[in-house]
C-alpha atoms as a PDB file:
ATOM      1  CA  UNK A   1     111.368  73.605 103.762  1.00  0.00           C
ATOM      2  CA  UNK A   2     111.573  74.168 100.021  1.00  0.00           C
ATOM      3  CA  UNK A   3     111.726  77.743  98.776  1.00  0.00           C
ATOM      4  CA  UNK A   4     112.400  78.670  95.202  1.00  0.00           C
ATOM      5  CA  UNK A   5     113.958  81.809  93.827  1.00  0.00           C
ATOM      6  CA  UNK A   6     113.266  82.767  90.210  1.00  0.00           C
ATOM      7  CA  UNK A   7     115.704  80.878  87.990  1.00  0.00           C
ATOM      8  CA  UNK A   8     117.516  84.009  86.828  1.00  0.00           C
ATOM      9  CA  UNK A   9     118.182  85.002  90.433  1.00  0.00           C
ATOM     10  CA  UNK A  10     119.697  81.611  91.122  1.00  0.00           C
ATOM     11  CA  UNK A  11     122.340  82.450  88.496  1.00  0.00           C
ATOM     12  CA  UNK A  12     123.492  85.565  90.357  1.00  0.00           C
ATOM     13  CA  UNK A  13     127.203  85.252  91.153  1.00  0.00           C
ATOM     14  CA  UNK A  14     126.913  86.468  94.748  1.00  0.00           C
ATOM     15  CA  UNK A  15     126.127  83.187  96.488  1.00  0.00           C
ATOM     16  CA  UNK A  16     126.021  84.867  99.896  1.00  0.00           C
ATOM     17  CA  UNK A  17     123.228  87.143  98.654  1.00  0.00           C
ATOM     18  CA  UNK A  18     121.268  84.169  97.343  1.00  0.00           C
ATOM     19  CA  UNK A  19     121.708  82.390 100.663  1.00  0.00           C
ATOM     20  CA  UNK A  20     120.357  85.435 102.503  1.00  0.00           C
ATOM     21  CA  UNK A  21     117.336  85.526 100.189  1.00  0.00           C
ATOM     22  CA  UNK A  22     116.680  81.814 100.663  1.00  0.00           C
ATOM     23  CA  UNK A  23     116.958  82.134 104.437  1.00  0.00           C
ATOM     24  CA  UNK A  24     114.634  85.124 104.393  1.00  0.00           C
ATOM     25  CA  UNK A  25     112.061  83.264 102.288  1.00  0.00           C
ATOM     26  CA  UNK A  26     112.135  80.364 104.731  1.00  0.00           C
ATOM     27  CA  UNK A  27     111.356  82.786 107.556  1.00  0.00           C
ATOM     28  CA  UNK A  28     108.582  84.371 105.495  1.00  0.00           C
ATOM     29  CA  UNK A  29     107.094  80.955 104.787  1.00  0.00           C
ATOM     30  CA  UNK A  30     106.960  80.108 108.494  1.00  0.00           C
ATOM     31  CA  UNK A  31     105.405  83.476 109.324  1.00  0.00           C
ATOM     32  CA  UNK A  32     102.922  83.129 106.462  1.00  0.00           C
ATOM     33  CA  UNK A  33     101.843  79.715 107.703  1.00  0.00           C
ATOM     34  CA  UNK A  34     101.214  81.230 111.125  1.00  0.00           C
ATOM     35  CA  UNK A  35      99.311  84.144 109.589  1.00  0.00           C
ATOM     36  CA  UNK A  36      96.920  81.972 107.567  1.00  0.00           C
ATOM     37  CA  UNK A  37      96.287  79.630 110.478  1.00  0.00           C
ATOM     38  CA  UNK A  38      93.129  80.487 112.363  1.00  0.00           C
ATOM     39  CA  UNK A  39      91.571  79.430 115.636  1.00  0.00           C
ATOM     40  CA  UNK A  40      88.258  79.046 113.818  1.00  0.00           C
ATOM     41  CA  UNK A  41      88.299  75.504 112.379  1.00  0.00           C
ATOM     42  CA  UNK A  42      86.487  76.432 109.156  1.00  0.00           C
ATOM     43  CA  UNK A  43      88.551  79.543 108.450  1.00  0.00           C
ATOM     44  CA  UNK A  44      91.774  77.670 109.181  1.00  0.00           C
ATOM     45  CA  UNK A  45      91.075  75.240 106.346  1.00  0.00           C
ATOM     46  CA  UNK A  46      89.836  77.740 103.769  1.00  0.00           C
ATOM     47  CA  UNK A  47      92.478  80.407 104.512  1.00  0.00           C
ATOM     48  CA  UNK A  48      95.351  77.936 104.086  1.00  0.00           C
ATOM     49  CA  UNK A  49      93.984  76.502 100.831  1.00  0.00           C
ATOM     50  CA  UNK A  50      95.910  78.623  98.311  1.00  0.00           C
ATOM     51  CA  UNK A  51      98.922  79.289 100.500  1.00  0.00           C
ATOM     52  CA  UNK A  52      99.519  75.568 100.911  1.00  0.00           C
ATOM     53  CA  UNK A  53      99.244  75.087  97.148  1.00  0.00           C
ATOM     54  CA  UNK A  54     102.496  77.006  96.673  1.00  0.00           C
ATOM     55  CA  UNK A  55     103.093  79.963  94.385  1.00  0.00           C
ATOM     56  CA  UNK A  56     106.042  81.924  93.050  1.00  0.00           C
ATOM     57  CA  UNK A  57     106.334  84.254  96.082  1.00  0.00           C
ATOM     58  CA  UNK A  58     107.365  87.067  93.741  1.00  0.00           C
ATOM     59  CA  UNK A  59     106.249  89.800  96.128  1.00  0.00           C
ATOM     60  CA  UNK A  60     108.005  88.527  99.281  1.00  0.00           C
ATOM     61  CA  UNK A  61     111.136  87.916  97.221  1.00  0.00           C
ATOM     62  CA  UNK A  62     111.125  91.540  96.109  1.00  0.00           C
ATOM     63  CA  UNK A  63     110.637  92.771  99.692  1.00  0.00           C
ATOM     64  CA  UNK A  64     113.704  90.782 100.730  1.00  0.00           C
ATOM     65  CA  UNK A  65     115.720  91.831  97.701  1.00  0.00           C
ATOM     66  CA  UNK A  66     115.013  95.535  98.241  1.00  0.00           C
ATOM     67  CA  UNK A  67     115.815  95.077 101.927  1.00  0.00           C
ATOM     68  CA  UNK A  68     119.349  93.981 101.042  1.00  0.00           C
ATOM     69  CA  UNK A  69     120.157  97.690 100.704  1.00  0.00           C
ATOM     70  CA  UNK A  70     119.730  97.789 104.499  1.00  0.00           C
ATOM     71  CA  UNK A  71     119.335  95.045 107.104  1.00  0.00           C
ATOM     72  CA  UNK A  72     117.080  92.365 105.644  1.00  0.00           C
ATOM     73  CA  UNK A  73     117.181  90.274 108.824  1.00  0.00           C
ATOM     74  CA  UNK A  74     114.997  92.697 110.779  1.00  0.00           C
ATOM     75  CA  UNK A  75     111.617  91.298 111.840  1.00  0.00           C
ATOM     76  CA  UNK A  76     109.659  94.196 110.267  1.00  0.00           C
ATOM     77  CA  UNK A  77     111.100  93.148 106.870  1.00  0.00           C
ATOM     78  CA  UNK A  78     109.724  89.628 107.334  1.00  0.00           C
ATOM     79  CA  UNK A  79     106.390  91.056 108.492  1.00  0.00           C
ATOM     80  CA  UNK A  80     106.239  93.318 105.424  1.00  0.00           C
ATOM     81  CA  UNK A  81     106.863  90.321 103.158  1.00  0.00           C
ATOM     82  CA  UNK A  82     104.009  88.461 104.845  1.00  0.00           C
ATOM     83  CA  UNK A  83     101.696  91.458 104.401  1.00  0.00           C
ATOM     84  CA  UNK A  84     102.176  91.646 100.642  1.00  0.00           C
ATOM     85  CA  UNK A  85     101.730  87.892 100.172  1.00  0.00           C
ATOM     86  CA  UNK A  86      98.596  87.806 102.343  1.00  0.00           C
ATOM     87  CA  UNK A  87      97.178  90.699 100.342  1.00  0.00           C
ATOM     88  CA  UNK A  88      98.000  88.916  97.095  1.00  0.00           C
ATOM     89  CA  UNK A  89      96.382  85.693  98.305  1.00  0.00           C
ATOM     90  CA  UNK A  90      93.241  87.576  99.308  1.00  0.00           C
ATOM     91  CA  UNK A  91      92.902  89.079  95.834  1.00  0.00           C
ATOM     92  CA  UNK A  92      93.202  85.609  94.277  1.00  0.00           C
ATOM     93  CA  UNK A  93      90.186  84.327  96.215  1.00  0.00           C
ATOM     94  CA  UNK A  94      88.134  87.272  94.973  1.00  0.00           C
ATOM     95  CA  UNK A  95      89.485  87.178  91.407  1.00  0.00           C
ATOM     96  CA  UNK A  96      88.654  83.480  91.063  1.00  0.00           C
ATOM     97  CA  UNK A  97      85.042  84.128  92.051  1.00  0.00           C
ATOM     98  CA  UNK A  98      84.713  87.003  89.578  1.00  0.00           C
ATOM     99  CA  UNK A  99      86.369  85.000  86.798  1.00  0.00           C
ATOM    100  CA  UNK A 100      84.602  81.748  87.718  1.00  0.00           C
ATOM    101  CA  UNK A 101      88.040  80.103  87.528  1.00  0.00           C
ATOM    102  CA  UNK A 102      88.017  76.338  88.140  1.00  0.00           C
ATOM    103  CA  UNK A 103      91.692  75.914  89.089  1.00  0.00           C
ATOM    104  CA  UNK A 104      94.419  77.922  90.780  1.00  0.00           C
ATOM    105  CA  UNK A 105      97.982  76.737  91.448  1.00  0.00           C
ATOM    106  CA  UNK A 106      97.088  73.243  90.332  1.00  0.00           C
ATOM    107  CA  UNK A 107      94.202  72.784  92.784  1.00  0.00           C
ATOM    108  CA  UNK A 108      90.460  73.515  92.572  1.00  0.00           C
ATOM    109  CA  UNK A 109      89.646  77.098  93.470  1.00  0.00           C
ATOM    110  CA  UNK A 110      88.044  77.856  96.816  1.00  0.00           C
ATOM    111  CA  UNK A 111      84.672  78.733  95.317  1.00  0.00           C
ATOM    112  CA  UNK A 112      84.617  75.394  93.481  1.00  0.00           C
ATOM    113  CA  UNK A 113      85.021  73.594  96.821  1.00  0.00           C
ATOM    114  CA  UNK A 114      83.083  75.744  99.270  1.00  0.00           C
ATOM    115  CA  UNK A 115      81.025  78.112  97.105  1.00  0.00           C
ATOM    116  CA  UNK A 116      81.274  81.820  96.277  1.00  0.00           C
ATOM    117  CA  UNK A 117      80.270  83.173  99.666  1.00  0.00           C
ATOM    118  CA  UNK A 118      82.896  81.203 101.573  1.00  0.00           C
ATOM    119  CA  UNK A 119      85.559  82.115  99.015  1.00  0.00           C
ATOM    120  CA  UNK A 120      84.738  85.841  99.239  1.00  0.00           C
ATOM    121  CA  UNK A 121      84.676  85.789 103.023  1.00  0.00           C
ATOM    122  CA  UNK A 122      87.987  83.929 103.122  1.00  0.00           C
ATOM    123  CA  UNK A 123      89.525  86.625 100.942  1.00  0.00           C
ATOM    124  CA  UNK A 124      88.133  89.206 103.359  1.00  0.00           C
ATOM    125  CA  UNK A 125      89.655  87.310 106.300  1.00  0.00           C
ATOM    126  CA  UNK A 126      93.059  87.334 104.617  1.00  0.00           C
ATOM    127  CA  UNK A 127      92.774  91.082 104.016  1.00  0.00           C
ATOM    128  CA  UNK A 128      91.936  91.446 107.707  1.00  0.00           C
ATOM    129  CA  UNK A 129      94.924  89.335 108.718  1.00  0.00           C
ATOM    130  CA  UNK A 130      97.181  91.420 106.449  1.00  0.00           C
ATOM    131  CA  UNK A 131      95.850  94.533 108.186  1.00  0.00           C
ATOM    132  CA  UNK A 132      96.635  93.024 111.584  1.00  0.00           C
ATOM    133  CA  UNK A 133     100.210  92.306 110.562  1.00  0.00           C
ATOM    134  CA  UNK A 134     100.765  95.675 108.901  1.00  0.00           C
ATOM    135  CA  UNK A 135      99.394  97.494 111.949  1.00  0.00           C
ATOM    136  CA  UNK A 136     102.515  96.376 113.812  1.00  0.00           C
ATOM    137  CA  UNK A 137     104.627  98.265 111.282  1.00  0.00           C
ATOM    138  CA  UNK A 138     103.194 101.696 112.013  1.00  0.00           C
ATOM    139  CA  UNK A 139     101.317 104.469 110.246  1.00  0.00           C
ATOM    140  CA  UNK A 140     103.523 104.730 107.136  1.00  0.00           C
ATOM    141  CA  UNK A 141     103.014 101.071 106.343  1.00  0.00           C
ATOM    142  CA  UNK A 142      99.287 101.347 107.053  1.00  0.00           C
ATOM    143  CA  UNK A 143      98.978 104.285 104.658  1.00  0.00           C
ATOM    144  CA  UNK A 144     100.894 102.458 101.936  1.00  0.00           C
ATOM    145  CA  UNK A 145      98.768  99.342 102.423  1.00  0.00           C
ATOM    146  CA  UNK A 146      95.533 101.370 102.278  1.00  0.00           C
ATOM    147  CA  UNK A 147      96.606 103.255  99.154  1.00  0.00           C
ATOM    148  CA  UNK A 148      97.632  99.992  97.502  1.00  0.00           C
ATOM    149  CA  UNK A 149      94.349  98.310  98.424  1.00  0.00           C
ATOM    150  CA  UNK A 150      92.457 101.211  96.860  1.00  0.00           C
ATOM    151  CA  UNK A 151      94.389 100.778  93.613  1.00  0.00           C
ATOM    152  CA  UNK A 152      93.777  97.028  93.633  1.00  0.00           C
ATOM    153  CA  UNK A 153      90.042  97.653  93.885  1.00  0.00           C
ATOM    154  CA  UNK A 154      90.059 100.377  91.239  1.00  0.00           C
ATOM    155  CA  UNK A 155      92.007  98.155  88.875  1.00  0.00           C
ATOM    156  CA  UNK A 156      89.486  95.369  89.272  1.00  0.00           C
ATOM    157  CA  UNK A 157      86.600  97.817  88.849  1.00  0.00           C
ATOM    158  CA  UNK A 158      88.031  99.298  85.667  1.00  0.00           C
ATOM    159  CA  UNK A 159      88.752  95.841  84.269  1.00  0.00           C
ATOM    160  CA  UNK A 160      85.162  94.833  84.984  1.00  0.00           C
ATOM    161  CA  UNK A 161      83.498  97.839  83.327  1.00  0.00           C
ATOM    162  CA  UNK A 162      86.004  98.097  80.463  1.00  0.00           C
ATOM    163  CA  UNK A 163      87.251 101.194  78.626  1.00  0.00           C
ATOM    164  CA  UNK A 164      84.891 104.139  78.394  1.00  0.00           C
ATOM    165  CA  UNK A 165      83.921 106.074  75.267  1.00  0.00           C
ATOM    166  CA  UNK A 166      86.911 107.663  73.523  1.00  0.00           C
ATOM    167  CA  UNK A 167      89.321 105.869  75.899  1.00  0.00           C
ATOM    168  CA  UNK A 168      92.222 104.058  74.243  1.00  0.00           C
ATOM    169  CA  UNK A 169      91.653 100.340  74.990  1.00  0.00           C
ATOM    170  CA  UNK A 170      95.377  99.599  75.175  1.00  0.00           C
ATOM    171  CA  UNK A 171      96.087 102.497  77.554  1.00  0.00           C
ATOM    172  CA  UNK A 172      93.101 101.381  79.634  1.00  0.00           C
ATOM    173  CA  UNK A 173      94.408  97.824  79.744  1.00  0.00           C
ATOM    174  CA  UNK A 174      97.924  98.872  80.789  1.00  0.00           C
ATOM    175  CA  UNK A 175      96.489 101.044  83.577  1.00  0.00           C
ATOM    176  CA  UNK A 176      94.416  98.112  84.822  1.00  0.00           C
ATOM    177  CA  UNK A 177      97.581  96.002  84.992  1.00  0.00           C
ATOM    178  CA  UNK A 178      99.451  98.792  86.778  1.00  0.00           C
ATOM    179  CA  UNK A 179      96.686  99.014  89.381  1.00  0.00           C
ATOM    180  CA  UNK A 180      95.820  95.323  89.771  1.00  0.00           C
ATOM    181  CA  UNK A 181      99.355  93.933  89.746  1.00  0.00           C
ATOM    182  CA  UNK A 182     101.912  96.719  89.598  1.00  0.00           C
ATOM    183  CA  UNK A 183     100.691  98.531  92.700  1.00  0.00           C
ATOM    184  CA  UNK A 184     101.247  95.606  95.065  1.00  0.00           C
ATOM    185  CA  UNK A 185     104.640  94.700  93.605  1.00  0.00           C
ATOM    186  CA  UNK A 186     105.615  98.366  93.908  1.00  0.00           C
ATOM    187  CA  UNK A 187     104.491  98.295  97.542  1.00  0.00           C
ATOM    188  CA  UNK A 188     106.653  95.219  98.112  1.00  0.00           C
ATOM    189  CA  UNK A 189     109.705  97.055  96.797  1.00  0.00           C
ATOM    190  CA  UNK A 190     108.945 100.135  98.906  1.00  0.00           C
ATOM    191  CA  UNK A 191     108.377  98.139 102.074  1.00  0.00           C
ATOM    192  CA  UNK A 192     111.714  96.404 101.692  1.00  0.00           C
ATOM    193  CA  UNK A 193     113.438  99.784 101.642  1.00  0.00           C
ATOM    194  CA  UNK A 194     111.312 101.273 104.426  1.00  0.00           C
ATOM    195  CA  UNK A 195     111.838  98.564 107.030  1.00  0.00           C
ATOM    196  CA  UNK A 196     115.419  97.540 106.400  1.00  0.00           C
ATOM    197  CA  UNK A 197     116.840 100.921 107.284  1.00  0.00           C
ATOM    198  CA  UNK A 198     117.974 101.502 103.702  1.00  0.00           C
ATOM    199  CA  UNK A 199     118.391 105.121 102.536  1.00  0.00           C
ATOM    200  CA  UNK A 200     114.987 106.711 102.013  1.00  0.00           C
ATOM    201  CA  UNK A 201     116.026 108.088  98.615  1.00  0.00           C
ATOM    202  CA  UNK A 202     116.036 104.504  97.314  1.00  0.00           C
ATOM    203  CA  UNK A 203     112.311 104.207  97.911  1.00  0.00           C
ATOM    204  CA  UNK A 204     111.053 106.032  94.794  1.00  0.00           C
ATOM    205  CA  UNK A 205     113.346 104.249  92.302  1.00  0.00           C
ATOM    206  CA  UNK A 206     112.302 100.927  93.808  1.00  0.00           C
ATOM    207  CA  UNK A 207     108.624 101.882  93.674  1.00  0.00           C
ATOM    208  CA  UNK A 208     108.902 102.696  89.975  1.00  0.00           C
ATOM    209  CA  UNK A 209     110.851  99.500  89.380  1.00  0.00           C
ATOM    210  CA  UNK A 210     108.245  97.383  91.173  1.00  0.00           C
ATOM    211  CA  UNK A 211     105.260  98.838  89.350  1.00  0.00           C
ATOM    212  CA  UNK A 212     106.833  98.346  85.931  1.00  0.00           C
ATOM    213  CA  UNK A 213     107.899  94.817  86.810  1.00  0.00           C
ATOM    214  CA  UNK A 214     104.272  94.118  87.707  1.00  0.00           C
ATOM    215  CA  UNK A 215     103.027  95.325  84.329  1.00  0.00           C
ATOM    216  CA  UNK A 216     105.703  93.299  82.526  1.00  0.00           C
ATOM    217  CA  UNK A 217     104.747  90.220  84.534  1.00  0.00           C
ATOM    218  CA  UNK A 218     101.124  90.384  83.424  1.00  0.00           C
ATOM    219  CA  UNK A 219     101.975  91.185  79.815  1.00  0.00           C
ATOM    220  CA  UNK A 220     104.188  88.112  79.658  1.00  0.00           C
ATOM    221  CA  UNK A 221     101.248  86.097  80.993  1.00  0.00           C
ATOM    222  CA  UNK A 222      99.329  87.245  77.903  1.00  0.00           C
ATOM    223  CA  UNK A 223     102.110  85.997  75.650  1.00  0.00           C
ATOM    224  CA  UNK A 224     102.502  82.703  77.525  1.00  0.00           C
ATOM    225  CA  UNK A 225      98.806  82.047  76.957  1.00  0.00           C
ATOM    226  CA  UNK A 226      99.564  81.865  73.241  1.00  0.00           C
ATOM    227  CA  UNK A 227     103.112  80.523  73.095  1.00  0.00           C
ATOM    228  CA  UNK A 228     102.724  77.939  75.878  1.00  0.00           C
ATOM    229  CA  UNK A 229     103.252  74.314  74.917  1.00  0.00           C
ATOM    230  CA  UNK A 230     101.115  73.158  77.839  1.00  0.00           C
ATOM    231  CA  UNK A 231     103.970  71.122  79.315  1.00  0.00           C
ATOM    232  CA  UNK A 232     106.816  73.535  80.087  1.00  0.00           C
ATOM    233  CA  UNK A 233     104.508  76.187  81.504  1.00  0.00           C
ATOM    234  CA  UNK A 234     101.775  74.006  82.948  1.00  0.00           C
ATOM    235  CA  UNK A 235      99.282  76.400  81.362  1.00  0.00           C
ATOM    236  CA  UNK A 236      96.932  75.143  78.667  1.00  0.00           C
ATOM    237  CA  UNK A 237      97.476  77.224  75.511  1.00  0.00           C
ATOM    238  CA  UNK A 238      94.628  79.623  74.791  1.00  0.00           C
ATOM    239  CA  UNK A 239      93.062  79.561  78.258  1.00  0.00           C
ATOM    240  CA  UNK A 240      92.517  83.333  78.196  1.00  0.00           C
ATOM    241  CA  UNK A 241      91.354  83.218  74.588  1.00  0.00           C
ATOM    242  CA  UNK A 242      88.759  80.591  75.396  1.00  0.00           C
ATOM    243  CA  UNK A 243      87.527  82.690  78.316  1.00  0.00           C
ATOM    244  CA  UNK A 244      87.248  85.792  76.131  1.00  0.00           C
ATOM    245  CA  UNK A 245      89.862  87.747  78.112  1.00  0.00           C
ATOM    246  CA  UNK A 246      90.973  90.844  76.124  1.00  0.00           C
ATOM    247  CA  UNK A 247      94.752  90.334  76.397  1.00  0.00           C
ATOM    248  CA  UNK A 248      97.334  92.590  74.780  1.00  0.00           C
ATOM    249  CA  UNK A 249      97.903  90.386  71.684  1.00  0.00           C
ATOM    250  CA  UNK A 250      94.162  90.596  70.968  1.00  0.00           C
ATOM    251  CA  UNK A 251      94.152  94.364  71.475  1.00  0.00           C
ATOM    252  CA  UNK A 252      97.051  94.660  69.042  1.00  0.00           C
ATOM    253  CA  UNK A 253      95.247  92.322  66.648  1.00  0.00           C
ATOM    254  CA  UNK A 254      92.316  94.756  66.643  1.00  0.00           C
ATOM    255  CA  UNK A 255      94.643  97.519  65.506  1.00  0.00           C
ATOM    256  CA  UNK A 256      95.976  95.341  62.700  1.00  0.00           C
ATOM    257  CA  UNK A 257      92.426  94.390  61.690  1.00  0.00           C
ATOM    258  CA  UNK A 258      91.635  97.983  60.755  1.00  0.00           C
ATOM    259  CA  UNK A 259      93.857  97.763  57.677  1.00  0.00           C
ATOM    260  CA  UNK A 260      94.623  94.054  57.208  1.00  0.00           C
ATOM    261  CA  UNK A 261      91.998  91.634  55.890  1.00  0.00           C
ATOM    262  CA  UNK A 262      93.658  88.495  57.289  1.00  0.00           C
ATOM    263  CA  UNK A 263      93.817  90.074  60.740  1.00  0.00           C
ATOM    264  CA  UNK A 264      90.173  91.127  60.453  1.00  0.00           C
ATOM    265  CA  UNK A 265      89.189  87.558  59.556  1.00  0.00           C
ATOM    266  CA  UNK A 266      91.121  86.109  62.512  1.00  0.00           C
ATOM    267  CA  UNK A 267      89.589  88.679  64.864  1.00  0.00           C
ATOM    268  CA  UNK A 268      86.088  87.877  63.592  1.00  0.00           C
ATOM    269  CA  UNK A 269      86.671  84.200  64.395  1.00  0.00           C
ATOM    270  CA  UNK A 270      87.764  85.101  67.922  1.00  0.00           C
ATOM    271  CA  UNK A 271      84.879  87.531  68.467  1.00  0.00           C
ATOM    272  CA  UNK A 272      82.380  84.917  67.321  1.00  0.00           C
ATOM    273  CA  UNK A 273      83.415  82.766  70.277  1.00  0.00           C
ATOM    274  CA  UNK A 274      85.870  79.896  70.507  1.00  0.00           C
ATOM    275  CA  UNK A 275      85.442  76.331  71.674  1.00  0.00           C
ATOM    276  CA  UNK A 276      87.812  73.418  72.193  1.00  0.00           C
ATOM    277  CA  UNK A 277      87.548  72.483  68.509  1.00  0.00           C
ATOM    278  CA  UNK A 278      88.291  75.921  67.038  1.00  0.00           C
ATOM    279  CA  UNK A 279      90.859  77.019  69.621  1.00  0.00           C
ATOM    280  CA  UNK A 280      94.013  75.213  68.321  1.00  0.00           C
ATOM    281  CA  UNK A 281      93.850  76.798  64.866  1.00  0.00           C
ATOM    282  CA  UNK A 282      93.405  80.277  66.359  1.00  0.00           C
ATOM    283  CA  UNK A 283      96.299  79.771  68.788  1.00  0.00           C
ATOM    284  CA  UNK A 284      98.491  78.610  65.896  1.00  0.00           C
ATOM    285  CA  UNK A 285      97.538  81.674  63.847  1.00  0.00           C
ATOM    286  CA  UNK A 286      98.266  84.036  66.729  1.00  0.00           C
ATOM    287  CA  UNK A 287     101.686  82.464  67.272  1.00  0.00           C
ATOM    288  CA  UNK A 288     102.581  83.566  63.754  1.00  0.00           C
ATOM    289  CA  UNK A 289     100.838  86.927  63.887  1.00  0.00           C
ATOM    290  CA  UNK A 290     102.958  90.046  64.568  1.00  0.00           C
ATOM    291  CA  UNK A 291     100.507  91.131  67.293  1.00  0.00           C
ATOM    292  CA  UNK A 292     101.865  88.482  69.663  1.00  0.00           C
ATOM    293  CA  UNK A 293     105.489  89.402  68.993  1.00  0.00           C
ATOM    294  CA  UNK A 294     104.559  93.044  69.564  1.00  0.00           C
ATOM    295  CA  UNK A 295     103.023  92.127  72.919  1.00  0.00           C
ATOM    296  CA  UNK A 296     106.243  90.368  73.912  1.00  0.00           C
ATOM    297  CA  UNK A 297     108.284  93.416  72.934  1.00  0.00           C
ATOM    298  CA  UNK A 298     105.983  95.627  74.999  1.00  0.00           C
ATOM    299  CA  UNK A 299     106.497  93.400  78.031  1.00  0.00           C
ATOM    300  CA  UNK A 300     110.249  93.520  77.508  1.00  0.00           C
ATOM    301  CA  UNK A 301     110.104  97.307  77.217  1.00  0.00           C
ATOM    302  CA  UNK A 302     108.383  97.577  80.597  1.00  0.00           C
ATOM    303  CA  UNK A 303     111.022  95.338  82.168  1.00  0.00           C
ATOM    304  CA  UNK A 304     113.820  97.340  80.552  1.00  0.00           C
ATOM    305  CA  UNK A 305     112.261 100.579  81.811  1.00  0.00           C
ATOM    306  CA  UNK A 306     112.111  99.076  85.306  1.00  0.00           C
ATOM    307  CA  UNK A 307     115.841  98.403  85.181  1.00  0.00           C
ATOM    308  CA  UNK A 308     116.478 101.950  83.918  1.00  0.00           C
ATOM    309  CA  UNK A 309     114.628 103.323  86.953  1.00  0.00           C
ATOM    310  CA  UNK A 310     117.149 101.755  89.339  1.00  0.00           C
ATOM    311  CA  UNK A 311     120.177 103.143  87.488  1.00  0.00           C
ATOM    312  CA  UNK A 312     120.596 105.618  90.355  1.00  0.00           C
ATOM    313  CA  UNK A 313     121.059 102.846  92.925  1.00  0.00           C
ATOM    314  CA  UNK A 314     124.554 101.713  93.974  1.00  0.00           C
ATOM    315  CA  UNK A 315     126.376  99.302  91.692  1.00  0.00           C
ATOM    316  CA  UNK A 316     126.919  95.823  93.029  1.00  0.00           C
ATOM    317  CA  UNK A 317     125.372  92.404  93.461  1.00  0.00           C
ATOM    318  CA  UNK A 318     122.017  93.712  94.737  1.00  0.00           C
ATOM    319  CA  UNK A 319     121.479  95.843  91.653  1.00  0.00           C
ATOM    320  CA  UNK A 320     122.646  92.930  89.492  1.00  0.00           C
ATOM    321  CA  UNK A 321     120.082  90.715  91.205  1.00  0.00           C
ATOM    322  CA  UNK A 322     117.328  93.265  90.562  1.00  0.00           C
ATOM    323  CA  UNK A 323     118.316  93.305  86.893  1.00  0.00           C
ATOM    324  CA  UNK A 324     118.241  89.502  86.840  1.00  0.00           C
ATOM    325  CA  UNK A 325     114.862  89.584  88.563  1.00  0.00           C
ATOM    326  CA  UNK A 326     113.500  91.724  85.714  1.00  0.00           C
ATOM    327  CA  UNK A 327     114.974  89.312  83.180  1.00  0.00           C
ATOM    328  CA  UNK A 328     113.363  86.387  85.001  1.00  0.00           C
ATOM    329  CA  UNK A 329     109.951  88.006  84.625  1.00  0.00           C
ATOM    330  CA  UNK A 330     110.330  88.353  80.849  1.00  0.00           C
ATOM    331  CA  UNK A 331     112.015  84.996  80.292  1.00  0.00           C
ATOM    332  CA  UNK A 332     109.770  82.898  82.508  1.00  0.00           C
ATOM    333  CA  UNK A 333     107.796  80.042  81.004  1.00  0.00           C
ATOM    334  CA  UNK A 334     105.032  79.919  83.612  1.00  0.00           C
END
């Protein structure tokens, strides 16, 4: 069974730690396969669709990495890792319907194959299966899962309606990312501490670390959309631009446009709507514009702040791996 750690983690000197993480991910993968399997023949096919397509398994990896501060071999740790990945998968089914996305993880999205209703219901089934697994972990895990689910929904709601009058669009955007992505990655970090028997005082630093890593992860996605060469990342440059997604480089561009005529002209071109013909020139212009570099620096700042939050944790290979994990988020190409 092939499992893949982020490349920066694979460079960690403690080979025994990496072996433990790989072994844990293999166990998670087996448990995840069992969790997405269903006695209903229709649900079994639709629920396994995205899981079988692969994925980075960022959230389970963080559960296992946090759990190294205790006993990461305990079954509740594996169950917690399955819970966060099931929850993540469920949100992808729903997000793809809302975004009308044609592809996910290199395969057609569920709604493209089976329609919106089946895709939404499959996401609901995965949420239900995550709830079944987390119920075995007790009331603290249930509360954390419920609170996280609420934030996931609020993040999606706020993204859908957009910033309100007199609300800073950039602050609004960052909060959406914290809710939609940061909350679940933070939960992953907390769960790893909670169910490995690690000291409880490690939980809050890891929660802060996880949430900031989540924000950095999404901000780097914004940058990759512009800097991608389409081959290294596998992501077509300007996908978000073409879809009209208000990413951080575009929000920064709006600030520049207030006082810079060239920025205002570029923004007007984007606001007028892009197509396949006009997209390459706009992507090229954004690659050279300071707004994109500023977005990268903001992502790096969030990752650096995440590392600062775990300064209180014990020195050693686990902390080094967490630092490398943050670097992998910023340095990734896909």
